[in-house]
């Protein structure tokens, strides 16, 4: 029902922390798409994405924040999506259920 799209550039371990917080509070109830907007920091984002069961997309050149998000949206397979930055955290368990309530 819901996909969280994380677009980022040179965020390092922050992206893994964001994915971890999603999995800790929502389990596998939401999909995750990570869009690396041509990071140059040498961090292995793909490894972290695999660890958390996220789809990983790497732009060959920097498209900018808005276009990187659009790339993520184009890969979304659910009816709804939430766009977040690479350094966000989720603390409330079952936060995703609030989307279900709002949609109904």
PDB file of N, CA and C in Angstrom:
ATOM      1  N   UNK A   1       0.799  -1.195   0.000  1.00  0.00           N
ATOM      2  CA  UNK A   1       0.000   0.000   0.000  1.00  0.00           C
ATOM      3  C   UNK A   1       0.851   1.273   0.000  1.00  0.00           C
ATOM      4  N   UNK A   2       2.043   1.249   0.655  1.00  0.00           N
ATOM      5  CA  UNK A   2       2.840   2.456   0.812  1.00  0.00           C
ATOM      6  C   UNK A   2       4.312   2.175   0.521  1.00  0.00           C
ATOM      7  N   UNK A   3       4.939   3.100  -0.165  1.00  0.00           N
ATOM      8  CA  UNK A   3       6.376   3.046  -0.420  1.00  0.00           C
ATOM      9  C   UNK A   3       7.015   4.297   0.159  1.00  0.00           C
ATOM     10  N   UNK A   4       8.134   4.113   0.850  1.00  0.00           N
ATOM     11  CA  UNK A   4       8.922   5.246   1.315  1.00  0.00           C
ATOM     12  C   UNK A   4      10.070   5.425   0.329  1.00  0.00           C
ATOM     13  N   UNK A   5      10.165   6.618  -0.227  1.00  0.00           N
ATOM     14  CA  UNK A   5      11.213   6.945  -1.189  1.00  0.00           C
ATOM     15  C   UNK A   5      12.237   7.832  -0.491  1.00  0.00           C
ATOM     16  N   UNK A   6      13.477   7.362  -0.490  1.00  0.00           N
ATOM     17  CA  UNK A   6      14.567   8.103   0.139  1.00  0.00           C
ATOM     18  C   UNK A   6      15.520   8.548  -0.963  1.00  0.00           C
ATOM     19  N   UNK A   7      15.566   9.830  -1.230  1.00  0.00           N
ATOM     20  CA  UNK A   7      16.545  10.334  -2.193  1.00  0.00           C
ATOM     21  C   UNK A   7      17.659  11.021  -1.398  1.00  0.00           C
ATOM     22  N   UNK A   8      18.877  10.871  -1.879  1.00  0.00           N
ATOM     23  CA  UNK A   8      19.997  11.377  -1.092  1.00  0.00           C
ATOM     24  C   UNK A   8      21.223  11.626  -1.960  1.00  0.00           C
ATOM     25  N   UNK A   9      22.146  12.399  -1.390  1.00  0.00           N
ATOM     26  CA  UNK A   9      23.436  12.687  -2.002  1.00  0.00           C
ATOM     27  C   UNK A   9      24.455  12.817  -0.867  1.00  0.00           C
ATOM     28  N   UNK A  10      25.423  11.910  -0.844  1.00  0.00           N
ATOM     29  CA  UNK A  10      26.514  11.947   0.131  1.00  0.00           C
ATOM     30  C   UNK A  10      26.041  11.975   1.588  1.00  0.00           C
ATOM     31  N   UNK A  11      25.092  11.112   1.932  1.00  0.00           N
ATOM     32  CA  UNK A  11      24.554  11.057   3.300  1.00  0.00           C
ATOM     33  C   UNK A  11      25.236   9.997   4.166  1.00  0.00           C
ATOM     34  N   UNK A  12      26.062   9.139   3.578  1.00  0.00           N
ATOM     35  CA  UNK A  12      26.778   8.128   4.355  1.00  0.00           C
ATOM     36  C   UNK A  12      25.850   7.216   5.133  1.00  0.00           C
ATOM     37  N   UNK A  13      26.229   6.904   6.360  1.00  0.00           N
ATOM     38  CA  UNK A  13      25.478   5.944   7.185  1.00  0.00           C
ATOM     39  C   UNK A  13      24.090   6.434   7.579  1.00  0.00           C
ATOM     40  N   UNK A  14      23.789   7.711   7.351  1.00  0.00           N
ATOM     41  CA  UNK A  14      22.473   8.242   7.697  1.00  0.00           C
ATOM     42  C   UNK A  14      21.353   7.530   6.944  1.00  0.00           C
ATOM     43  N   UNK A  15      21.599   7.148   5.712  1.00  0.00           N
ATOM     44  CA  UNK A  15      20.578   6.463   4.921  1.00  0.00           C
ATOM     45  C   UNK A  15      20.253   5.108   5.553  1.00  0.00           C
ATOM     46  N   UNK A  16      21.268   4.378   5.998  1.00  0.00           N
ATOM     47  CA  UNK A  16      21.040   3.092   6.667  1.00  0.00           C
ATOM     48  C   UNK A  16      20.249   3.291   7.955  1.00  0.00           C
ATOM     49  N   UNK A  17      20.537   4.339   8.689  1.00  0.00           N
ATOM     50  CA  UNK A  17      19.802   4.611   9.924  1.00  0.00           C
ATOM     51  C   UNK A  17      18.336   4.921   9.633  1.00  0.00           C
ATOM     52  N   UNK A  18      18.087   5.616   8.531  1.00  0.00           N
ATOM     53  CA  UNK A  18      16.709   5.901   8.132  1.00  0.00           C
ATOM     54  C   UNK A  18      15.983   4.608   7.780  1.00  0.00           C
ATOM     55  N   UNK A  19      16.621   3.756   6.983  1.00  0.00           N
ATOM     56  CA  UNK A  19      15.995   2.474   6.625  1.00  0.00           C
ATOM     57  C   UNK A  19      15.784   1.607   7.856  1.00  0.00           C
ATOM     58  N   UNK A  20      16.749   1.595   8.745  1.00  0.00           N
ATOM     59  CA  UNK A  20      16.613   0.811   9.969  1.00  0.00           C
ATOM     60  C   UNK A  20      15.404   1.283  10.777  1.00  0.00           C
ATOM     61  N   UNK A  21      15.228   2.589  10.890  1.00  0.00           N
ATOM     62  CA  UNK A  21      14.095   3.095  11.664  1.00  0.00           C
ATOM     63  C   UNK A  21      12.763   2.741  11.001  1.00  0.00           C
ATOM     64  N   UNK A  22      12.746   2.684   9.686  1.00  0.00           N
ATOM     65  CA  UNK A  22      11.529   2.264   8.983  1.00  0.00           C
ATOM     66  C   UNK A  22      11.226   0.807   9.300  1.00  0.00           C
ATOM     67  N   UNK A  23      12.224  -0.039   9.187  1.00  0.00           N
ATOM     68  CA  UNK A  23      12.011  -1.470   9.441  1.00  0.00           C
ATOM     69  C   UNK A  23      11.664  -1.751  10.904  1.00  0.00           C
ATOM     70  N   UNK A  24      12.246  -1.008  11.836  1.00  0.00           N
ATOM     71  CA  UNK A  24      11.953  -1.215  13.254  1.00  0.00           C
ATOM     72  C   UNK A  24      10.530  -0.804  13.618  1.00  0.00           C
ATOM     73  N   UNK A  25       9.984   0.179  12.925  1.00  0.00           N
ATOM     74  CA  UNK A  25       8.656   0.683  13.262  1.00  0.00           C
ATOM     75  C   UNK A  25       7.546   0.189  12.336  1.00  0.00           C
ATOM     76  N   UNK A  26       7.898  -0.249  11.140  1.00  0.00           N
ATOM     77  CA  UNK A  26       6.878  -0.687  10.183  1.00  0.00           C
ATOM     78  C   UNK A  26       7.123  -2.101   9.656  1.00  0.00           C
ATOM     79  N   UNK A  27       8.233  -2.708  10.052  1.00  0.00           N
ATOM     80  CA  UNK A  27       8.546  -4.043   9.537  1.00  0.00           C
ATOM     81  C   UNK A  27       8.620  -4.027   8.026  1.00  0.00           C
ATOM     82  N   UNK A  28       8.030  -5.038   7.428  1.00  0.00           N
ATOM     83  CA  UNK A  28       8.007  -5.130   5.965  1.00  0.00           C
ATOM     84  C   UNK A  28       6.671  -4.671   5.377  1.00  0.00           C
ATOM     85  N   UNK A  29       5.919  -3.898   6.158  1.00  0.00           N
ATOM     86  CA  UNK A  29       4.610  -3.421   5.708  1.00  0.00           C
ATOM     87  C   UNK A  29       4.705  -2.312   4.673  1.00  0.00           C
ATOM     88  N   UNK A  30       5.885  -1.708   4.539  1.00  0.00           N
ATOM     89  CA  UNK A  30       6.087  -0.669   3.532  1.00  0.00           C
ATOM     90  C   UNK A  30       7.284  -1.053   2.664  1.00  0.00           C
ATOM     91  N   UNK A  31       7.238  -0.640   1.418  1.00  0.00           N
ATOM     92  CA  UNK A  31       8.381  -0.803   0.520  1.00  0.00           C
ATOM     93  C   UNK A  31       9.313   0.389   0.713  1.00  0.00           C
ATOM     94  N   UNK A  32      10.576   0.174   0.394  1.00  0.00           N
ATOM     95  CA  UNK A  32      11.556   1.258   0.461  1.00  0.00           C
ATOM     96  C   UNK A  32      12.278   1.338  -0.880  1.00  0.00           C
ATOM     97  N   UNK A  33      12.373   2.540  -1.407  1.00  0.00           N
ATOM     98  CA  UNK A  33      13.164   2.808  -2.604  1.00  0.00           C
ATOM     99  C   UNK A  33      14.210   3.851  -2.232  1.00  0.00           C
ATOM    100  N   UNK A  34      15.477   3.536  -2.483  1.00  0.00           N
ATOM    101  CA  UNK A  34      16.580   4.464  -2.237  1.00  0.00           C
ATOM    102  C   UNK A  34      17.098   4.967  -3.575  1.00  0.00           C
ATOM    103  N   UNK A  35      17.152   6.276  -3.715  1.00  0.00           N
ATOM    104  CA  UNK A  35      17.661   6.876  -4.944  1.00  0.00           C
ATOM    105  C   UNK A  35      18.922   7.666  -4.598  1.00  0.00           C
ATOM    106  N   UNK A  36      20.049   7.120  -5.028  1.00  0.00           N
ATOM    107  CA  UNK A  36      21.339   7.764  -4.837  1.00  0.00           C
ATOM    108  C   UNK A  36      21.554   8.725  -6.000  1.00  0.00           C
ATOM    109  N   UNK A  37      21.576  10.010  -5.684  1.00  0.00           N
ATOM    110  CA  UNK A  37      21.691  11.018  -6.738  1.00  0.00           C
ATOM    111  C   UNK A  37      23.157  11.315  -7.058  1.00  0.00           C
ATOM    112  N   UNK A  38      23.886  10.250  -7.426  1.00  0.00           N
ATOM    113  CA  UNK A  38      25.291  10.328  -7.863  1.00  0.00           C
ATOM    114  C   UNK A  38      26.236  10.764  -6.747  1.00  0.00           C
ATOM    115  N   UNK A  39      26.108  10.119  -5.582  1.00  0.00           N
ATOM    116  CA  UNK A  39      27.012  10.415  -4.467  1.00  0.00           C
ATOM    117  C   UNK A  39      28.460  10.177  -4.851  1.00  0.00           C
ATOM    118  N   UNK A  40      29.342  10.973  -4.268  1.00  0.00           N
ATOM    119  CA  UNK A  40      30.778  10.859  -4.555  1.00  0.00           C
ATOM    120  C   UNK A  40      31.588  10.522  -3.310  1.00  0.00           C
ATOM    121  N   UNK A  41      30.915  10.127  -2.228  1.00  0.00           N
ATOM    122  CA  UNK A  41      31.612   9.896  -0.960  1.00  0.00           C
ATOM    123  C   UNK A  41      32.198   8.490  -0.813  1.00  0.00           C
ATOM    124  N   UNK A  42      31.954   7.601  -1.775  1.00  0.00           N
ATOM    125  CA  UNK A  42      32.521   6.255  -1.738  1.00  0.00           C
ATOM    126  C   UNK A  42      31.822   5.297  -0.788  1.00  0.00           C
ATOM    127  N   UNK A  43      30.736   5.721  -0.160  1.00  0.00           N
ATOM    128  CA  UNK A  43      30.010   4.856   0.767  1.00  0.00           C
ATOM    129  C   UNK A  43      29.233   3.791  -0.006  1.00  0.00           C
ATOM    130  N   UNK A  44      29.142   2.575   0.559  1.00  0.00           N
ATOM    131  CA  UNK A  44      28.455   1.469  -0.123  1.00  0.00           C
ATOM    132  C   UNK A  44      26.967   1.476   0.239  1.00  0.00           C
ATOM    133  N   UNK A  45      26.214   2.317  -0.414  1.00  0.00           N
ATOM    134  CA  UNK A  45      24.779   2.438  -0.161  1.00  0.00           C
ATOM    135  C   UNK A  45      24.015   1.197  -0.614  1.00  0.00           C
ATOM    136  N   UNK A  46      24.482   0.576  -1.679  1.00  0.00           N
ATOM    137  CA  UNK A  46      23.788  -0.606  -2.200  1.00  0.00           C
ATOM    138  C   UNK A  46      23.781  -1.728  -1.169  1.00  0.00           C
ATOM    139  N   UNK A  47      24.867  -1.922  -0.462  1.00  0.00           N
ATOM    140  CA  UNK A  47      24.949  -2.961   0.571  1.00  0.00           C
ATOM    141  C   UNK A  47      23.913  -2.702   1.666  1.00  0.00           C
ATOM    142  N   UNK A  48      23.796  -1.464   2.096  1.00  0.00           N
ATOM    143  CA  UNK A  48      22.810  -1.126   3.119  1.00  0.00           C
ATOM    144  C   UNK A  48      21.391  -1.341   2.608  1.00  0.00           C
ATOM    145  N   UNK A  49      21.133  -0.960   1.369  1.00  0.00           N
ATOM    146  CA  UNK A  49      19.802  -1.140   0.792  1.00  0.00           C
ATOM    147  C   UNK A  49      19.424  -2.621   0.766  1.00  0.00           C
ATOM    148  N   UNK A  50      20.360  -3.472   0.393  1.00  0.00           N
ATOM    149  CA  UNK A  50      20.103  -4.917   0.388  1.00  0.00           C
ATOM    150  C   UNK A  50      19.798  -5.419   1.788  1.00  0.00           C
ATOM    151  N   UNK A  51      20.533  -4.938   2.764  1.00  0.00           N
ATOM    152  CA  UNK A  51      20.331  -5.357   4.158  1.00  0.00           C
ATOM    153  C   UNK A  51      18.904  -5.090   4.617  1.00  0.00           C
ATOM    154  N   UNK A  52      18.324  -3.977   4.177  1.00  0.00           N
ATOM    155  CA  UNK A  52      16.983  -3.592   4.612  1.00  0.00           C
ATOM    156  C   UNK A  52      15.903  -3.883   3.569  1.00  0.00           C
ATOM    157  N   UNK A  53      16.247  -4.648   2.554  1.00  0.00           N
ATOM    158  CA  UNK A  53      15.261  -5.069   1.560  1.00  0.00           C
ATOM    159  C   UNK A  53      14.715  -3.933   0.720  1.00  0.00           C
ATOM    160  N   UNK A  54      15.546  -2.948   0.447  1.00  0.00           N
ATOM    161  CA  UNK A  54      15.121  -1.781  -0.323  1.00  0.00           C
ATOM    162  C   UNK A  54      15.568  -1.898  -1.778  1.00  0.00           C
ATOM    163  N   UNK A  55      14.778  -1.334  -2.660  1.00  0.00           N
ATOM    164  CA  UNK A  55      15.186  -1.198  -4.054  1.00  0.00           C
ATOM    165  C   UNK A  55      16.198  -0.067  -4.116  1.00  0.00           C
ATOM    166  N   UNK A  56      17.331  -0.322  -4.742  1.00  0.00           N
ATOM    167  CA  UNK A  56      18.400   0.665  -4.826  1.00  0.00           C
ATOM    168  C   UNK A  56      18.553   1.142  -6.256  1.00  0.00           C
ATOM    169  N   UNK A  57      18.519   2.461  -6.438  1.00  0.00           N
ATOM    170  CA  UNK A  57      18.689   3.082  -7.749  1.00  0.00           C
ATOM    171  C   UNK A  57      19.821   4.097  -7.624  1.00  0.00           C
ATOM    172  N   UNK A  58      20.762   4.041  -8.558  1.00  0.00           N
ATOM    173  CA  UNK A  58      21.873   4.994  -8.529  1.00  0.00           C
ATOM    174  C   UNK A  58      21.887   5.802  -9.812  1.00  0.00           C
ATOM    175  N   UNK A  59      21.706   7.101  -9.675  1.00  0.00           N
ATOM    176  CA  UNK A  59      21.781   7.983 -10.836  1.00  0.00           C
ATOM    177  C   UNK A  59      23.240   8.118 -11.268  1.00  0.00           C
ATOM    178  N   UNK A  60      23.481   8.060 -12.556  1.00  0.00           N
ATOM    179  CA  UNK A  60      24.840   8.188 -13.095  1.00  0.00           C
ATOM    180  C   UNK A  60      25.366   9.610 -12.959  1.00  0.00           C
ATOM    181  N   UNK A  61      24.447  10.579 -13.030  1.00  0.00           N
ATOM    182  CA  UNK A  61      24.831  11.969 -12.833  1.00  0.00           C
ATOM    183  C   UNK A  61      23.809  12.609 -11.900  1.00  0.00           C
ATOM    184  N   UNK A  62      24.230  13.646 -11.214  1.00  0.00           N
ATOM    185  CA  UNK A  62      23.363  14.321 -10.254  1.00  0.00           C
ATOM    186  C   UNK A  62      22.215  15.028 -10.990  1.00  0.00           C
ATOM    187  N   UNK A  63      20.997  14.652 -10.621  1.00  0.00           N
ATOM    188  CA  UNK A  63      19.813  15.242 -11.244  1.00  0.00           C
ATOM    189  C   UNK A  63      19.206  16.358 -10.408  1.00  0.00           C
ATOM    190  N   UNK A  64      19.582  16.412  -9.147  1.00  0.00           N
ATOM    191  CA  UNK A  64      18.973  17.365  -8.231  1.00  0.00           C
ATOM    192  C   UNK A  64      17.874  16.691  -7.430  1.00  0.00           C
ATOM    193  N   UNK A  65      17.523  17.307  -6.333  1.00  0.00           N
ATOM    194  CA  UNK A  65      16.590  16.716  -5.374  1.00  0.00           C
ATOM    195  C   UNK A  65      15.235  16.351  -5.995  1.00  0.00           C
ATOM    196  N   UNK A  66      14.611  17.289  -6.672  1.00  0.00           N
ATOM    197  CA  UNK A  66      13.277  17.049  -7.217  1.00  0.00           C
ATOM    198  C   UNK A  66      13.277  15.932  -8.256  1.00  0.00           C
ATOM    199  N   UNK A  67      14.223  15.956  -9.164  1.00  0.00           N
ATOM    200  CA  UNK A  67      14.261  14.917 -10.199  1.00  0.00           C
ATOM    201  C   UNK A  67      14.635  13.562  -9.626  1.00  0.00           C
ATOM    202  N   UNK A  68      15.507  13.520  -8.628  1.00  0.00           N
ATOM    203  CA  UNK A  68      15.853  12.250  -7.984  1.00  0.00           C
ATOM    204  C   UNK A  68      14.613  11.639  -7.335  1.00  0.00           C
ATOM    205  N   UNK A  69      13.806  12.474  -6.729  1.00  0.00           N
ATOM    206  CA  UNK A  69      12.551  11.983  -6.134  1.00  0.00           C
ATOM    207  C   UNK A  69      11.618  11.441  -7.206  1.00  0.00           C
ATOM    208  N   UNK A  70      11.550  12.131  -8.336  1.00  0.00           N
ATOM    209  CA  UNK A  70      10.707  11.666  -9.449  1.00  0.00           C
ATOM    210  C   UNK A  70      11.160  10.298  -9.959  1.00  0.00           C
ATOM    211  N   UNK A  71      12.469  10.071  -9.970  1.00  0.00           N
ATOM    212  CA  UNK A  71      12.984   8.751 -10.352  1.00  0.00           C
ATOM    213  C   UNK A  71      12.419   7.699  -9.404  1.00  0.00           C
ATOM    214  N   UNK A  72      12.464   7.971  -8.115  1.00  0.00           N
ATOM    215  CA  UNK A  72      11.917   7.040  -7.134  1.00  0.00           C
ATOM    216  C   UNK A  72      10.438   6.785  -7.352  1.00  0.00           C
ATOM    217  N   UNK A  73       9.691   7.833  -7.602  1.00  0.00           N
ATOM    218  CA  UNK A  73       8.255   7.694  -7.845  1.00  0.00           C
ATOM    219  C   UNK A  73       8.006   6.813  -9.064  1.00  0.00           C
ATOM    220  N   UNK A  74       8.825   6.937 -10.082  1.00  0.00           N
ATOM    221  CA  UNK A  74       8.620   6.140 -11.303  1.00  0.00           C
ATOM    222  C   UNK A  74       8.808   4.647 -11.064  1.00  0.00           C
ATOM    223  N   UNK A  75       9.520   4.266 -10.001  1.00  0.00           N
ATOM    224  CA  UNK A  75       9.720   2.858  -9.676  1.00  0.00           C
ATOM    225  C   UNK A  75       8.726   2.349  -8.632  1.00  0.00           C
ATOM    226  N   UNK A  76       7.886   3.210  -8.127  1.00  0.00           N
ATOM    227  CA  UNK A  76       6.929   2.869  -7.070  1.00  0.00           C
ATOM    228  C   UNK A  76       5.860   1.914  -7.609  1.00  0.00           C
ATOM    229  N   UNK A  77       5.591   0.840  -6.858  1.00  0.00           N
ATOM    230  CA  UNK A  77       4.589  -0.147  -7.271  1.00  0.00           C
ATOM    231  C   UNK A  77       3.350  -0.132  -6.382  1.00  0.00           C
ATOM    232  N   UNK A  78       3.344   0.758  -5.394  1.00  0.00           N
ATOM    233  CA  UNK A  78       2.188   0.870  -4.517  1.00  0.00           C
ATOM    234  C   UNK A  78       1.350   2.081  -4.926  1.00  0.00           C
ATOM    235  N   UNK A  79       0.140   2.151  -4.406  1.00  0.00           N
ATOM    236  CA  UNK A  79      -0.739   3.269  -4.747  1.00  0.00           C
ATOM    237  C   UNK A  79      -0.315   4.584  -4.108  1.00  0.00           C
ATOM    238  N   UNK A  80       0.419   4.489  -3.000  1.00  0.00           N
ATOM    239  CA  UNK A  80       0.790   5.681  -2.246  1.00  0.00           C
ATOM    240  C   UNK A  80       2.276   5.660  -1.932  1.00  0.00           C
ATOM    241  N   UNK A  81       2.851   6.856  -1.773  1.00  0.00           N
ATOM    242  CA  UNK A  81       4.268   6.950  -1.431  1.00  0.00           C
ATOM    243  C   UNK A  81       4.498   8.125  -0.494  1.00  0.00           C
ATOM    244  N   UNK A  82       5.590   8.033   0.235  1.00  0.00           N
ATOM    245  CA  UNK A  82       6.042   9.083   1.137  1.00  0.00           C
ATOM    246  C   UNK A  82       7.490   9.374   0.779  1.00  0.00           C
ATOM    247  N   UNK A  83       7.809  10.625   0.529  1.00  0.00           N
ATOM    248  CA  UNK A  83       9.171  11.014   0.171  1.00  0.00           C
ATOM    249  C   UNK A  83       9.848  11.593   1.411  1.00  0.00           C
ATOM    250  N   UNK A  84      11.024  11.047   1.741  1.00  0.00           N
ATOM    251  CA  UNK A  84      11.778  11.531   2.900  1.00  0.00           C
ATOM    252  C   UNK A  84      13.230  11.765   2.499  1.00  0.00           C
ATOM    253  N   UNK A  85      13.924  12.514   3.337  1.00  0.00           N
ATOM    254  CA  UNK A  85      15.354  12.743   3.139  1.00  0.00           C
ATOM    255  C   UNK A  85      16.149  11.587   3.743  1.00  0.00           C
ATOM    256  N   UNK A  86      17.409  11.503   3.388  1.00  0.00           N
ATOM    257  CA  UNK A  86      18.262  10.403   3.830  1.00  0.00           C
ATOM    258  C   UNK A  86      18.618  10.414   5.298  1.00  0.00           C
ATOM    259  N   UNK A  87      18.292  11.463   6.017  1.00  0.00           N
ATOM    260  CA  UNK A  87      18.646  11.558   7.429  1.00  0.00           C
ATOM    261  C   UNK A  87      17.418  11.620   8.341  1.00  0.00           C
ATOM    262  N   UNK A  88      16.283  11.126   7.873  1.00  0.00           N
ATOM    263  CA  UNK A  88      15.042  11.131   8.654  1.00  0.00           C
ATOM    264  C   UNK A  88      14.989   9.907   9.569  1.00  0.00           C
ATOM    265  N   UNK A  89      14.151   9.966  10.600  1.00  0.00           N
ATOM    266  CA  UNK A  89      13.949   8.833  11.501  1.00  0.00           C
ATOM    267  C   UNK A  89      12.461   8.655  11.767  1.00  0.00           C
ATOM    268  N   UNK A  90      12.082   7.404  11.985  1.00  0.00           N
ATOM    269  CA  UNK A  90      10.718   7.046  12.347  1.00  0.00           C
ATOM    270  C   UNK A  90      10.757   6.464  13.750  1.00  0.00           C
ATOM    271  N   UNK A  91       9.934   6.991  14.648  1.00  0.00           N
ATOM    272  CA  UNK A  91       9.959   6.565  16.043  1.00  0.00           C
ATOM    273  C   UNK A  91       8.647   5.927  16.495  1.00  0.00           C
ATOM    274  N   UNK A  92       7.550   6.281  15.875  1.00  0.00           N
ATOM    275  CA  UNK A  92       6.229   5.813  16.277  1.00  0.00           C
ATOM    276  C   UNK A  92       5.930   4.472  15.607  1.00  0.00           C
ATOM    277  N   UNK A  93       5.744   3.430  16.409  1.00  0.00           N
ATOM    278  CA  UNK A  93       5.407   2.122  15.833  1.00  0.00           C
ATOM    279  C   UNK A  93       4.084   2.199  15.088  1.00  0.00           C
ATOM    280  N   UNK A  94       4.049   1.539  13.993  1.00  0.00           N
ATOM    281  CA  UNK A  94       2.846   1.436  13.159  1.00  0.00           C
ATOM    282  C   UNK A  94       2.404   2.784  12.589  1.00  0.00           C
ATOM    283  N   UNK A  95       3.320   3.702  12.405  1.00  0.00           N
ATOM    284  CA  UNK A  95       3.002   4.999  11.812  1.00  0.00           C
ATOM    285  C   UNK A  95       2.341   4.841  10.459  1.00  0.00           C
ATOM    286  N   UNK A  96       2.710   3.818   9.748  1.00  0.00           N
ATOM    287  CA  UNK A  96       2.183   3.590   8.403  1.00  0.00           C
ATOM    288  C   UNK A  96       0.688   3.316   8.423  1.00  0.00           C
ATOM    289  N   UNK A  97       0.175   2.797   9.531  1.00  0.00           N
ATOM    290  CA  UNK A  97      -1.262   2.537   9.635  1.00  0.00           C
ATOM    291  C   UNK A  97      -2.062   3.828   9.606  1.00  0.00           C
ATOM    292  N   UNK A  98      -1.453   4.924  10.029  1.00  0.00           N
ATOM    293  CA  UNK A  98      -2.133   6.199   9.970  1.00  0.00           C
ATOM    294  C   UNK A  98      -2.419   6.627   8.535  1.00  0.00           C
ATOM    295  N   UNK A  99      -1.598   6.179   7.610  1.00  0.00           N
ATOM    296  CA  UNK A  99      -1.865   6.432   6.198  1.00  0.00           C
ATOM    297  C   UNK A  99      -3.109   5.684   5.765  1.00  0.00           C
ATOM    298  N   UNK A 100      -3.262   4.433   6.223  1.00  0.00           N
ATOM    299  CA  UNK A 100      -4.458   3.651   5.908  1.00  0.00           C
ATOM    300  C   UNK A 100      -5.719   4.367   6.368  1.00  0.00           C
ATOM    301  N   UNK A 101      -5.675   4.882   7.584  1.00  0.00           N
ATOM    302  CA  UNK A 101      -6.837   5.578   8.150  1.00  0.00           C
ATOM    303  C   UNK A 101      -7.138   6.828   7.350  1.00  0.00           C
ATOM    304  N   UNK A 102      -6.117   7.596   7.023  1.00  0.00           N
ATOM    305  CA  UNK A 102      -6.310   8.846   6.283  1.00  0.00           C
ATOM    306  C   UNK A 102      -6.849   8.595   4.885  1.00  0.00           C
ATOM    307  N   UNK A 103      -6.451   7.501   4.275  1.00  0.00           N
ATOM    308  CA  UNK A 103      -6.871   7.198   2.909  1.00  0.00           C
ATOM    309  C   UNK A 103      -8.327   6.730   2.856  1.00  0.00           C
ATOM    310  N   UNK A 104      -8.729   5.991   3.869  1.00  0.00           N
ATOM    311  CA  UNK A 104     -10.096   5.454   3.899  1.00  0.00           C
ATOM    312  C   UNK A 104     -11.030   6.554   4.236  1.00  0.00           C
TER     313      UNK A 104
END
